[in-house]
Amino acid sequence: MQKLKRRGALTLSLLLLASLLAACGSSGNTAGGNAAGNSGTGANSGTNASKSETGGVKKDGFPIVDEPLTLTMFAPDAGMADWNTMPVIQEMEKLSGIKVEFQTSPIDSFSTKKNLVFASGDLPDMLYAADITPAEQVTYGSQGILIPLEDLIDNYAPNLKKILDENPDVRKNITTTDGHIYALPFIDTAAVWYRGPMWYNGKFLKALNAEEPKTTEELYTYLKRVKEEDPNGNGQADEIPLSSVKLDDLRMFFLGFWGMYDPVIYADKDDKVHYSPQEEGYKGYLTFMNRLWKEELLDHETFSQTDDQKKAKGKNNQLALFSDFHPYFTLGGEPSDEHPLMTPVASEIAGTPVYGKHPGMSANGTFAITKSNPNPEATMRWIDYQYGYEGATLWTQGPEGLLWQYKDKENKVKEWLPVPGGKDREEYRGTITPNYGILTPGVNLSEMTNGLKTEFDKWIEQQTQEKLVPIGKPPFPNAFLTTEEQSEVSALLSDLKTYVTQMEAKFVTGQEPLDNWDKYISQLKKMGSDRVAEVYQAAYDRWNQGS
C-alpha cells in the first residue's frame, strides 16, 4: 500500500475517536453507520419552518422557536477556544433561534464541579457531554432533578426516535428501572472496536519469516523467538515481545482468548451472568501472563511505566506486540498496512477466541435536561439535530467551507480543505466545535466520512471485518439497577476492584503463586462477588424482558 500522509489519516481517526472511549481507554471503530443516517435530511433540515407548533416550538424546520430563547448549559471544556467564538455555536444559534450561555469547566476538574452543581441546587438548563453515570441518572432522575425524556423524544426528536425505533436495544440501554430515560447517549451501532486492539510489529514478523499465531501456544512460541532471534537486527537483545501499561490496554482483548469478553461482568450463551475475575478463564489468562512474565516475554516495566514510555520503546523499534488505536501511534512512521491487527488466538477452552463487540453506544449519559429548564421541548429539538446527518456533520466537522467542502453534495461526498496557516487539522477542528476531546451526544454515521477516508482507513476496516467481526460477541448491556441495587453494588465493586487489581499484578509477577487461586476465590466470595453477579443477573433478566 502506498504510504499516506499522517495528517489525513490521523484527522479521520480522531474524528471517529469520539465514538469510543472507554472506553475508551484508547479504542476505535470502523467508521460504520446505521440506517438512521438519512434522518437528518428530513425533520431537522431546511430553514422553512412547519406550521405545526406547540407553545411556540416548531415540530420541524428552523428556527426552532418563534421568539428568541436563551438557555444555560454546563459542560466540560478541552480549552481550545472560547465556545462563544466557535463557528459551530454561531451557526447553531443562527439556525435554531436559541442562544446558549455556557458554564464550562476544564475536563480534569469537571467531575468534581458536576457534583457541586448537583449539590448546590443552582442548576443549568441542560448538561452537555457530562458523563452522567447510570447511578447519577437513577438518583437525580428519581429526585426530579433530571426530567424524563422519553415523551420529548417521541414528540420533538425525530432523528433520535428513528434511531431508537430501529435499534430497540439502544433504547433499552438508556431506560432506567422506573421506565424513564433521563440522559441521552452517543450512538454508533455499526462500530466494532470497544477498546483499542492489539497490533503486531510487521517488521518483526517479516524478519522472523513468521505467520500470525493462531493459538496461545503459538503466540508464546512467537514471543520467545522475538526475545531470542534479534528481529530488529541491531545485534542487541533489546526486543520487548509484549508491553503494556498495567495490563489495562490489553486485558479485555486477551481475556477473549479464554472465552470472556468483559473484565467485570458478562453473560454466557445460556444468559447466566458471571463475575469475570472468579472464572476459570480468568485463571487461564493469569497463568499465561505469569508464564510470559517469568520468561521476560512480558515487559517487566508493565506495572510502572506510562503510555508515553511504552510508545518510546515502540519508536525505538523494540516492541513486537502492543495495544494502541493505530499501530503507527506507537511505532512512529506513516500510516501503512505494514503492521497487522492481531488476530485473537484460541486457548485450551472450547469456543475460543471471542471478542467483545462495541456496545453500540460509546457513552450513555452525555446529555440531560434539568427541572430548571424553561422550555424542554425546544431543548430536545436543539439536541436532536446532532442525531441526524446534517447536525452530526456540523458538530463533528464544522460548517462547510472551513475544514471541508462537498465534492458531490447529492451523494454526500466531501473533500478536505487546506488548513489555514498550515496548522494541524485536528487541533484546528478543536477551535471550530466544542465536540473535541469530550464524549458528546450525537451519532456516528458512515456517510459523514464519504470521500474523506484514506486507503489506510479502508485497510483498517478490512482488517476489522476479517479478524474481529466473525468472533464478536454482544457486550453485557447497560442494564440499569434500582437505586438500592446500585448503592449496594457500587460499594461491593469498589472494594472488589481494588483487590482484583492488586491480585492480578501479584499473580502475573509471581508475587502470589497461582497455587493460591482457591484462597483468592474464597476471598472474592467473602467480599461479595457472588452477590454482584446475582444483582446483575436480576438486572439482565429485566433487560431481556424489556422492562
Protein backbone atom coordinates (compact mmCIF):
# COMPACT_ATOMS: atom_id res chain seq x y z
CA MET A 1 0.00 0.00 0.00
CA GLN A 2 1.20 3.46 -0.79
CA LYS A 3 2.18 5.23 2.39
CA LEU A 4 -0.15 8.01 3.36
CA LYS A 5 0.21 11.47 4.77
CA ARG A 6 -0.13 11.25 8.52
CA ARG A 7 -2.37 14.28 8.82
CA GLY A 8 -5.22 12.91 6.70
CA ALA A 9 -5.39 9.55 8.43
CA LEU A 10 -4.83 10.98 11.89
CA THR A 11 -7.59 13.51 11.43
CA LEU A 12 -10.15 10.93 10.36
CA SER A 13 -9.08 8.60 13.15
CA LEU A 14 -9.55 11.29 15.76
CA LEU A 15 -12.87 12.38 14.29
CA LEU A 16 -14.05 8.82 14.83
CA LEU A 17 -12.44 8.53 18.24
CA ALA A 18 -15.42 10.29 19.80
CA SER A 19 -17.42 7.10 19.36
CA LEU A 20 -15.19 5.20 21.70
CA LEU A 21 -13.71 5.74 24.74
CA ALA A 22 -13.88 3.69 27.33
CA ALA A 23 -13.69 3.42 26.96
CA CYS A 24 -12.12 4.17 25.87
CA GLY A 25 -9.37 3.88 27.29
CA SER A 26 -7.96 4.13 23.87
CA SER A 27 -10.33 2.48 21.42
CA GLY A 28 -11.78 2.89 17.97
CA ASN A 29 -14.33 1.97 15.36
CA THR A 30 -14.72 1.21 11.71
CA ALA A 31 -16.49 4.38 10.70
CA GLY A 32 -19.67 2.35 10.49
CA GLY A 33 -23.11 3.90 10.37
CA ASN A 34 -26.72 2.85 10.64
CA ALA A 35 -29.97 3.02 8.78
CA ALA A 36 -30.92 6.22 10.52
CA GLY A 37 -28.24 8.11 8.64
CA ASN A 38 -30.65 9.90 6.32
CA SER A 39 -32.92 11.07 9.09
CA GLY A 40 -31.08 14.38 9.27
CA THR A 41 -32.36 15.30 5.83
CA GLY A 42 -35.95 15.15 7.00
CA ALA A 43 -37.43 16.66 10.10
CA ASN A 44 -34.48 18.79 11.12
CA SER A 45 -33.14 20.09 7.84
CA GLY A 46 -34.01 23.19 5.90
CA THR A 47 -34.95 26.62 7.13
CA ASN A 48 -38.65 26.67 6.22
CA ALA A 49 -40.44 26.01 9.49
CA SER A 50 -43.56 23.87 9.62
CA LYS A 51 -46.77 25.48 10.83
CA SER A 52 -47.12 22.72 13.41
CA GLU A 53 -46.27 24.33 16.74
CA THR A 54 -46.64 23.64 20.43
CA GLY A 55 -46.10 26.50 22.83
CA GLY A 56 -44.07 28.43 20.26
CA VAL A 57 -41.85 25.42 19.50
CA LYS A 58 -41.99 24.17 15.93
CA LYS A 59 -42.14 20.42 15.42
CA ASP A 60 -39.78 20.63 12.46
CA GLY A 61 -37.67 23.03 10.45
CA PHE A 62 -35.68 26.05 11.57
CA PRO A 63 -35.79 28.25 13.53
CA ILE A 64 -36.97 26.05 16.40
CA VAL A 65 -38.75 28.86 18.27
CA ASP A 66 -40.75 31.91 17.21
CA GLU A 67 -39.27 34.15 19.87
CA PRO A 68 -35.58 34.22 20.82
CA LEU A 69 -34.81 31.81 23.67
CA THR A 70 -31.79 31.73 25.97
CA LEU A 71 -30.76 28.52 27.75
CA THR A 72 -27.86 27.72 30.06
CA MET A 73 -25.57 24.73 29.58
CA PHE A 74 -22.99 23.07 31.85
CA ALA A 75 -20.23 21.21 30.00
CA PRO A 76 -16.56 20.15 30.11
CA ASP A 77 -14.15 22.20 28.01
CA ALA A 78 -10.98 20.99 26.30
CA GLY A 79 -9.64 24.54 26.40
CA MET A 80 -9.09 25.02 22.67
CA ALA A 81 -11.13 28.24 22.29
CA ASP A 82 -13.96 30.25 23.80
CA TRP A 83 -17.12 28.35 22.87
CA ASN A 84 -18.94 31.59 22.08
CA THR A 85 -16.48 32.30 19.24
CA MET A 86 -16.75 28.86 17.66
CA PRO A 87 -18.34 28.77 14.19
CA VAL A 88 -20.44 25.72 15.12
CA ILE A 89 -22.03 27.55 18.05
CA GLN A 90 -22.66 30.66 15.98
CA GLU A 91 -24.20 28.63 13.16
CA MET A 92 -26.39 26.67 15.58
CA GLU A 93 -27.70 29.84 17.19
CA LYS A 94 -28.48 31.31 13.78
CA LEU A 95 -30.32 28.15 12.68
CA SER A 96 -32.26 27.46 15.87
CA GLY A 97 -33.05 30.88 17.28
CA ILE A 98 -31.76 29.59 20.63
CA LYS A 99 -28.86 31.29 22.37
CA VAL A 100 -26.89 29.14 24.76
CA GLU A 101 -24.99 30.59 27.71
CA PHE A 102 -22.13 28.27 28.59
CA GLN A 103 -20.95 27.30 32.04
CA THR A 104 -17.84 25.23 31.35
CA SER A 105 -15.21 23.56 33.48
CA PRO A 106 -11.83 22.08 32.48
CA ILE A 107 -12.04 18.37 31.71
CA ASP A 108 -9.78 17.37 34.61
CA SER A 109 -11.97 19.05 37.22
CA PHE A 110 -15.34 18.59 35.55
CA SER A 111 -16.49 15.59 37.60
CA THR A 112 -15.89 17.45 40.87
CA LYS A 113 -17.61 20.57 39.56
CA LYS A 114 -20.56 18.47 38.34
CA ASN A 115 -21.07 17.07 41.84
CA LEU A 116 -21.05 20.59 43.24
CA VAL A 117 -23.60 21.73 40.67
CA PHE A 118 -25.98 18.92 41.59
CA ALA A 119 -25.47 19.53 45.31
CA SER A 120 -25.97 23.29 45.08
CA GLY A 121 -29.41 23.17 43.51
CA ASP A 122 -28.36 26.04 41.23
CA LEU A 123 -28.95 24.02 38.08
CA PRO A 124 -28.21 24.79 34.44
CA ASP A 125 -30.99 24.17 31.93
CA MET A 126 -29.06 21.30 30.34
CA LEU A 127 -25.93 19.22 30.83
CA TYR A 128 -23.77 18.50 27.79
CA ALA A 129 -21.04 15.85 27.45
CA ALA A 130 -21.49 15.49 31.19
CA ASP A 131 -20.72 11.76 31.67
CA ILE A 132 -23.84 11.31 33.79
CA THR A 133 -23.32 7.85 35.23
CA PRO A 134 -26.11 5.28 35.49
CA ALA A 135 -26.12 5.82 39.26
CA GLU A 136 -26.47 9.59 38.78
CA GLN A 137 -29.27 9.09 36.26
CA VAL A 138 -31.20 6.91 38.69
CA THR A 139 -30.52 9.14 41.70
CA TYR A 140 -31.17 12.54 40.17
CA GLY A 141 -33.95 11.25 37.94
CA SER A 142 -35.85 9.77 40.87
CA GLN A 143 -35.37 13.04 42.77
CA GLY A 144 -36.83 15.03 39.89
CA ILE A 145 -33.62 16.97 39.25
CA LEU A 146 -33.28 15.42 35.79
CA ILE A 147 -36.55 15.26 33.87
CA PRO A 148 -37.82 12.22 31.90
CA LEU A 149 -37.06 12.48 28.19
CA GLU A 150 -39.00 9.66 26.53
CA ASP A 151 -42.11 11.70 25.66
CA LEU A 152 -39.95 14.56 24.44
CA ILE A 153 -38.04 12.12 22.24
CA ASP A 154 -41.26 10.76 20.75
CA ASN A 155 -42.65 14.22 20.01
CA TYR A 156 -39.66 16.50 19.43
CA ALA A 157 -36.71 14.32 18.40
CA PRO A 158 -37.48 12.64 15.05
CA ASN A 159 -33.84 11.87 14.32
CA LEU A 160 -33.19 10.19 17.67
CA LYS A 161 -36.58 8.48 17.70
CA LYS A 162 -35.86 6.90 14.31
CA ILE A 163 -32.55 5.51 15.54
CA LEU A 164 -34.09 4.15 18.75
CA ASP A 165 -37.01 2.59 16.86
CA GLU A 166 -34.56 0.84 14.54
CA ASN A 167 -32.27 -0.19 17.42
CA PRO A 168 -34.52 -1.18 20.34
CA ASP A 169 -31.56 -2.45 22.38
CA VAL A 170 -30.16 1.08 22.47
CA ARG A 171 -33.47 2.34 23.82
CA LYS A 172 -33.41 -0.37 26.50
CA ASN A 173 -29.82 0.57 27.34
CA ILE A 174 -30.84 4.12 28.22
CA THR A 175 -34.10 3.30 30.04
CA THR A 176 -33.87 3.09 33.83
CA THR A 177 -35.78 0.63 36.02
CA ASP A 178 -38.62 3.13 36.55
CA GLY A 179 -39.26 3.16 32.79
CA HIS A 180 -37.82 6.63 32.17
CA ILE A 181 -34.95 7.95 30.06
CA TYR A 182 -33.03 10.64 31.91
CA ALA A 183 -29.97 11.04 29.68
CA LEU A 184 -29.03 10.64 26.02
CA PRO A 185 -26.13 8.64 24.54
CA PHE A 186 -23.63 8.91 21.74
CA ILE A 187 -24.73 6.20 19.32
CA ASP A 188 -22.60 4.17 16.93
CA THR A 189 -24.47 0.96 16.13
CA ALA A 190 -22.02 -0.25 13.49
CA ALA A 191 -18.78 0.19 15.43
CA VAL A 192 -16.72 -2.94 16.15
CA TRP A 193 -13.91 -1.82 18.43
CA TYR A 194 -14.69 -1.31 22.09
CA ARG A 195 -11.17 -0.92 23.38
CA GLY A 196 -8.03 -0.42 21.34
CA PRO A 197 -6.96 -3.69 19.68
CA MET A 198 -3.53 -5.28 19.61
CA TRP A 199 -1.03 -4.85 16.77
CA TYR A 200 1.99 -6.80 15.57
CA ASN A 201 5.19 -5.07 14.56
CA GLY A 202 5.16 -6.16 10.93
CA LYS A 203 8.91 -5.71 10.57
CA PHE A 204 9.45 -8.37 13.26
CA LEU A 205 7.05 -10.80 11.61
CA LYS A 206 8.90 -10.35 8.33
CA ALA A 207 12.37 -10.62 9.87
CA LEU A 208 11.40 -13.90 11.56
CA ASN A 209 9.53 -15.14 8.48
CA ALA A 210 6.62 -15.82 10.84
CA GLU A 211 2.90 -16.20 10.29
CA GLU A 212 0.43 -14.75 12.75
CA PRO A 213 -0.09 -17.13 15.70
CA LYS A 214 -3.47 -18.85 15.90
CA THR A 215 -3.27 -20.33 19.42
CA THR A 216 -1.92 -19.17 22.76
CA GLU A 217 0.86 -21.75 22.45
CA GLU A 218 1.86 -20.44 19.03
CA LEU A 219 1.75 -16.91 20.46
CA TYR A 220 4.10 -17.95 23.27
CA THR A 221 6.47 -19.52 20.74
CA TYR A 222 6.47 -16.40 18.58
CA LEU A 223 7.14 -14.07 21.51
CA LYS A 224 10.00 -16.32 22.60
CA ARG A 225 11.51 -16.10 19.12
CA VAL A 226 11.28 -12.31 19.30
CA LYS A 227 13.30 -12.33 22.50
CA GLU A 228 15.94 -14.72 21.23
CA GLU A 229 16.38 -14.03 17.50
CA ASP A 230 17.07 -10.27 17.25
CA PRO A 231 14.32 -9.32 14.79
CA ASN A 232 15.23 -5.62 14.90
CA GLY A 233 18.68 -6.58 13.69
CA ASN A 234 20.74 -4.31 15.92
CA GLY A 235 22.80 -7.10 17.46
CA GLN A 236 21.41 -6.41 20.93
CA ALA A 237 18.89 -8.39 22.97
CA ASP A 238 16.72 -5.29 23.48
CA GLU A 239 13.48 -6.55 21.92
CA ILE A 240 10.39 -6.50 24.14
CA PRO A 241 7.96 -9.19 22.96
CA LEU A 242 4.87 -7.76 24.70
CA SER A 243 4.45 -4.46 26.52
CA SER A 244 1.55 -2.90 28.39
CA VAL A 245 0.53 -0.23 30.86
CA LYS A 246 -0.78 -2.03 33.95
CA LEU A 247 -2.50 -4.54 31.61
CA ASP A 248 -5.37 -2.06 31.19
CA ASP A 249 -4.69 -1.72 27.47
CA LEU A 250 -4.67 -5.44 26.70
CA ARG A 251 -6.81 -7.12 29.38
CA MET A 252 -10.10 -7.10 27.53
CA PHE A 253 -8.54 -8.30 24.25
CA PHE A 254 -6.57 -11.09 25.94
CA LEU A 255 -9.48 -12.28 28.09
CA GLY A 256 -11.21 -13.21 24.84
CA PHE A 257 -8.57 -15.89 24.29
CA TRP A 258 -10.16 -17.65 27.28
CA GLY A 259 -13.77 -17.05 26.32
CA MET A 260 -14.54 -13.84 28.24
CA TYR A 261 -15.39 -10.53 26.66
CA ASP A 262 -15.68 -8.20 29.62
CA PRO A 263 -13.27 -7.81 32.54
CA VAL A 264 -16.05 -7.48 35.14
CA ILE A 265 -19.47 -8.86 34.14
CA TYR A 266 -20.59 -10.95 31.18
CA ALA A 267 -23.44 -13.28 30.27
CA ASP A 268 -22.87 -16.67 28.64
CA LYS A 269 -24.92 -18.23 25.82
CA ASP A 270 -27.42 -19.50 28.38
CA ASP A 271 -27.93 -15.96 29.75
CA LYS A 272 -26.18 -16.79 33.00
CA VAL A 273 -24.29 -13.80 34.41
CA HIS A 274 -20.70 -14.22 35.60
CA TYR A 275 -18.30 -12.09 37.60
CA SER A 276 -15.25 -12.41 35.34
CA PRO A 277 -12.35 -12.32 37.86
CA GLN A 278 -13.52 -15.54 39.55
CA GLU A 279 -13.97 -17.63 36.39
CA GLU A 280 -11.66 -20.43 35.25
CA GLY A 281 -10.97 -18.49 32.05
CA TYR A 282 -9.57 -15.67 34.14
CA LYS A 283 -7.25 -18.14 35.82
CA GLY A 284 -6.14 -19.27 32.35
CA TYR A 285 -5.38 -15.67 31.43
CA LEU A 286 -3.36 -15.13 34.64
CA THR A 287 -1.46 -18.38 34.14
CA PHE A 288 -0.46 -17.40 30.61
CA MET A 289 0.58 -13.88 31.62
CA ASN A 290 2.62 -15.28 34.51
CA ARG A 291 4.37 -17.60 32.08
CA LEU A 292 5.26 -14.65 29.86
CA TRP A 293 6.46 -12.67 32.87
CA LYS A 294 8.70 -15.43 34.19
CA GLU A 295 10.42 -15.78 30.80
CA GLU A 296 10.68 -11.99 30.35
CA LEU A 297 8.36 -12.06 27.36
CA LEU A 298 6.08 -9.53 29.09
CA ASP A 299 7.71 -6.18 29.73
CA HIS A 300 8.81 -6.02 33.37
CA GLU A 301 8.01 -2.30 33.39
CA THR A 302 4.35 -3.07 32.62
CA PHE A 303 3.15 -2.08 36.09
CA SER A 304 5.29 1.05 36.42
CA GLN A 305 5.53 2.72 33.01
CA THR A 306 3.38 5.38 31.40
CA ASP A 307 1.85 5.15 27.95
CA ASP A 308 4.41 7.65 26.65
CA GLN A 309 7.22 5.46 27.96
CA LYS A 310 5.71 2.45 26.22
CA LYS A 311 5.42 4.43 22.98
CA ALA A 312 9.07 5.46 23.23
CA LYS A 313 10.04 1.79 23.13
CA GLY A 314 7.88 1.35 20.06
CA LYS A 315 9.52 4.26 18.26
CA ASN A 316 12.87 2.68 19.16
CA ASN A 317 11.74 -0.44 17.26
CA GLN A 318 11.76 -2.65 20.34
CA LEU A 319 8.11 -3.78 20.60
CA ALA A 320 6.69 -6.86 18.90
CA LEU A 321 3.08 -6.76 20.20
CA PHE A 322 1.21 -3.86 21.79
CA SER A 323 -2.12 -2.07 22.04
CA ASP A 324 -2.97 1.31 20.56
CA PHE A 325 -5.65 2.99 18.49
CA HIS A 326 -3.43 2.63 15.41
CA PRO A 327 -0.01 0.94 15.17
CA TYR A 328 1.90 3.99 13.96
CA PHE A 329 0.81 5.88 17.08
CA THR A 330 3.25 3.61 18.93
CA LEU A 331 5.80 2.65 16.28
CA GLY A 332 6.03 6.02 14.58
CA GLY A 333 6.30 6.48 10.85
CA GLU A 334 3.39 6.96 8.49
CA PRO A 335 0.05 5.10 8.28
CA SER A 336 0.51 1.91 6.27
CA ASP A 337 -0.57 -1.72 6.11
CA GLU A 338 2.83 -2.93 7.33
CA HIS A 339 1.75 -3.69 10.91
CA PRO A 340 -1.24 -6.07 11.07
CA LEU A 341 -4.05 -6.04 13.59
CA MET A 342 -3.63 -9.05 15.87
CA THR A 343 -5.92 -11.96 15.13
CA PRO A 344 -7.24 -13.16 18.53
CA VAL A 345 -5.87 -16.61 19.37
CA ALA A 346 -7.52 -19.73 20.77
CA SER A 347 -6.71 -21.26 24.16
CA GLU A 348 -7.44 -24.69 25.60
CA ILE A 349 -11.02 -23.56 26.32
CA ALA A 350 -13.54 -24.65 23.71
CA GLY A 351 -15.23 -21.96 21.66
CA THR A 352 -12.35 -19.52 21.84
CA PRO A 353 -11.35 -16.92 20.91
CA VAL A 354 -14.16 -14.39 21.36
CA TYR A 355 -14.19 -10.63 21.08
CA GLY A 356 -16.41 -8.21 22.97
CA LYS A 357 -18.09 -6.08 20.35
CA HIS A 358 -18.68 -2.36 20.66
CA PRO A 359 -21.93 -1.86 22.62
CA GLY A 360 -23.49 0.48 20.05
CA MET A 361 -23.14 3.37 22.46
CA SER A 362 -19.81 4.98 23.25
CA ALA A 363 -21.20 6.87 26.18
CA ASN A 364 -24.56 6.73 27.90
CA GLY A 365 -25.15 9.90 29.93
CA THR A 366 -23.95 12.58 27.53
CA PHE A 367 -26.94 14.94 27.70
CA ALA A 368 -29.72 15.71 30.17
CA ILE A 369 -32.36 18.35 30.81
CA THR A 370 -32.90 19.63 34.33
CA LYS A 371 -36.06 20.68 36.13
CA SER A 372 -34.90 24.32 35.81
CA ASN A 373 -35.27 24.28 32.02
CA PRO A 374 -37.99 26.73 30.88
CA ASN A 375 -38.51 25.03 27.51
CA PRO A 376 -37.66 21.29 27.40
CA GLU A 377 -39.42 20.90 24.05
CA ALA A 378 -37.17 23.44 22.33
CA THR A 379 -34.15 21.93 24.07
CA MET A 380 -34.97 18.47 22.73
CA ARG A 381 -35.35 19.85 19.21
CA TRP A 382 -31.99 21.60 19.64
CA ILE A 383 -30.10 18.45 20.68
CA ASP A 384 -31.93 16.20 18.21
CA TYR A 385 -30.14 17.99 15.36
CA GLN A 386 -26.95 16.15 16.39
CA TYR A 387 -28.69 12.80 15.80
CA GLY A 388 -29.14 13.44 12.07
CA TYR A 389 -26.64 13.68 9.22
CA GLU A 390 -26.57 17.47 8.86
CA GLY A 391 -26.31 18.18 12.58
CA ALA A 392 -23.78 15.43 13.22
CA THR A 393 -21.66 16.78 10.37
CA LEU A 394 -21.89 20.35 11.67
CA TRP A 395 -20.97 19.47 15.25
CA THR A 396 -18.25 16.97 14.31
CA GLN A 397 -16.59 18.55 11.27
CA GLY A 398 -17.73 22.15 11.43
CA PRO A 399 -19.62 24.20 8.84
CA GLU A 400 -18.88 23.60 5.18
CA GLY A 401 -16.06 25.77 3.85
CA LEU A 402 -13.74 25.65 6.87
CA LEU A 403 -12.30 22.13 7.13
CA TRP A 404 -14.17 20.52 4.26
CA GLN A 405 -16.43 21.10 1.30
CA TYR A 406 -18.82 18.98 -0.71
CA LYS A 407 -17.37 17.36 -3.79
CA ASP A 408 -20.77 15.83 -4.63
CA LYS A 409 -23.44 17.18 -2.30
CA GLU A 410 -26.24 14.99 -3.67
CA ASN A 411 -24.31 11.85 -2.72
CA LYS A 412 -22.77 13.44 0.39
CA VAL A 413 -19.21 13.10 -0.85
CA LYS A 414 -16.77 15.52 0.81
CA GLU A 415 -13.15 16.55 0.49
CA TRP A 416 -10.75 18.19 2.93
CA LEU A 417 -9.74 21.81 2.50
CA PRO A 418 -6.28 23.17 3.33
CA VAL A 419 -5.99 24.16 6.98
CA PRO A 420 -5.42 27.89 7.46
CA GLY A 421 -1.80 28.67 8.22
CA GLY A 422 -0.80 25.05 7.73
CA LYS A 423 -2.00 24.18 11.23
CA ASP A 424 -2.77 20.65 12.39
CA ARG A 425 -6.26 19.84 11.15
CA GLU A 426 -7.44 18.14 14.32
CA GLU A 427 -6.23 20.96 16.57
CA TYR A 428 -7.85 23.48 14.25
CA ARG A 429 -11.10 21.50 14.47
CA GLY A 430 -10.96 21.99 18.24
CA THR A 431 -11.31 25.73 17.73
CA ILE A 432 -14.33 25.30 15.44
CA THR A 433 -16.52 22.98 17.51
CA PRO A 434 -16.80 22.13 21.23
CA ASN A 435 -17.07 18.44 20.25
CA TYR A 436 -13.35 17.92 20.74
CA GLY A 437 -11.73 15.75 23.39
CA ILE A 438 -15.02 15.07 25.19
CA LEU A 439 -17.73 12.39 24.92
CA THR A 440 -20.65 14.23 23.39
CA PRO A 441 -24.24 13.41 22.47
CA GLY A 442 -24.96 12.55 18.85
CA VAL A 443 -24.46 9.79 16.31
CA ASN A 444 -21.71 8.43 14.09
CA LEU A 445 -22.92 7.83 10.53
CA SER A 446 -20.89 6.18 7.80
CA GLU A 447 -21.83 8.78 5.18
CA MET A 448 -20.22 11.53 7.24
CA THR A 449 -16.80 10.35 6.02
CA ASN A 450 -17.69 9.75 2.35
CA GLY A 451 -14.70 10.96 0.36
CA LEU A 452 -12.61 11.59 3.48
CA LYS A 453 -11.40 8.03 4.06
CA THR A 454 -7.80 7.25 3.18
CA GLU A 455 -6.51 3.91 1.92
CA PHE A 456 -5.30 3.32 5.47
CA ASP A 457 -8.81 3.82 6.88
CA LYS A 458 -10.17 1.31 4.36
CA TRP A 459 -7.45 -1.17 5.30
CA ILE A 460 -8.34 -0.84 8.98
CA GLU A 461 -11.97 -1.62 8.14
CA GLN A 462 -10.90 -4.67 6.14
CA GLN A 463 -8.68 -5.96 8.97
CA THR A 464 -11.52 -5.48 11.45
CA GLN A 465 -14.07 -7.26 9.29
CA GLU A 466 -11.74 -10.21 8.72
CA LYS A 467 -10.31 -10.66 12.21
CA LEU A 468 -12.80 -9.36 14.79
CA VAL A 469 -16.32 -9.36 13.36
CA PRO A 470 -16.58 -13.18 12.92
CA ILE A 471 -15.88 -13.81 16.62
CA GLY A 472 -17.68 -10.78 18.02
CA LYS A 473 -20.00 -11.25 20.99
CA PRO A 474 -22.66 -8.78 22.12
CA PRO A 475 -21.44 -6.91 25.18
CA PHE A 476 -23.20 -7.03 28.51
CA PRO A 477 -25.98 -4.46 28.14
CA ASN A 478 -26.30 -1.26 30.08
CA ALA A 479 -28.78 -2.98 32.41
CA PHE A 480 -29.87 -0.35 34.92
CA LEU A 481 -30.05 -1.20 38.59
CA THR A 482 -32.58 0.09 41.08
CA THR A 483 -31.42 2.77 43.49
CA GLU A 484 -30.98 0.18 46.24
CA GLU A 485 -29.16 -2.27 43.96
CA GLN A 486 -26.88 0.46 42.65
CA SER A 487 -25.93 1.56 46.15
CA GLU A 488 -25.16 -1.99 47.23
CA VAL A 489 -23.21 -3.00 44.11
CA SER A 490 -21.22 0.22 43.91
CA ALA A 491 -19.90 -0.38 47.42
CA LEU A 492 -19.08 -4.02 46.70
CA LEU A 493 -17.40 -3.35 43.37
CA SER A 494 -15.28 -0.56 44.79
CA ASP A 495 -13.57 -2.93 47.21
CA LEU A 496 -13.55 -5.84 44.75
CA LYS A 497 -11.89 -3.78 42.03
CA THR A 498 -9.09 -2.74 44.36
CA TYR A 499 -8.49 -6.32 45.48
CA VAL A 500 -8.71 -7.83 41.98
CA THR A 501 -6.31 -5.26 40.54
CA GLN A 502 -3.78 -5.91 43.30
CA MET A 503 -4.07 -9.69 42.96
CA GLU A 504 -3.82 -9.58 39.16
CA ALA A 505 -0.44 -7.88 39.43
CA LYS A 506 0.69 -10.29 42.13
CA PHE A 507 -0.38 -13.40 40.21
CA VAL A 508 1.19 -12.19 36.96
CA THR A 509 4.51 -11.23 38.56
CA GLY A 510 4.62 -14.38 40.70
CA GLN A 511 4.48 -12.47 43.96
CA GLU A 512 1.38 -14.57 44.67
CA PRO A 513 1.61 -18.18 43.42
CA LEU A 514 -1.30 -19.41 41.35
CA ASP A 515 -1.49 -22.33 43.76
CA ASN A 516 -3.36 -19.85 45.94
CA TRP A 517 -6.19 -19.49 43.39
CA ASP A 518 -8.75 -21.17 45.66
CA LYS A 519 -7.80 -18.86 48.51
CA TYR A 520 -8.26 -15.89 46.17
CA ILE A 521 -11.71 -17.13 45.07
CA SER A 522 -12.71 -17.61 48.70
CA GLN A 523 -11.77 -14.01 49.45
CA LEU A 524 -13.73 -12.72 46.44
CA LYS A 525 -16.82 -14.52 47.65
CA LYS A 526 -16.40 -13.12 51.15
CA MET A 527 -16.22 -9.66 49.59
CA GLY A 528 -19.50 -10.18 47.75
CA SER A 529 -18.58 -11.29 44.23
CA ASP A 530 -21.48 -13.78 44.08
CA ARG A 531 -23.84 -11.04 45.23
CA VAL A 532 -22.63 -8.76 42.42
CA ALA A 533 -23.38 -11.47 39.87
CA GLU A 534 -26.77 -12.08 41.50
CA VAL A 535 -27.79 -8.42 41.30
CA TYR A 536 -26.65 -8.10 37.69
CA GLN A 537 -28.45 -11.35 36.87
CA ALA A 538 -31.70 -9.78 38.06
CA ALA A 539 -30.97 -6.62 36.08
CA TYR A 540 -30.10 -8.66 32.99
CA ASP A 541 -33.30 -10.67 33.29
CA ARG A 542 -35.29 -7.42 33.48
CA TRP A 543 -33.42 -6.09 30.48
CA ASN A 544 -34.18 -9.23 28.45
CA GLN A 545 -37.84 -8.87 29.35
CA GLY A 546 -37.77 -5.30 28.10
CA SER A 547 -38.67 -3.80 31.48
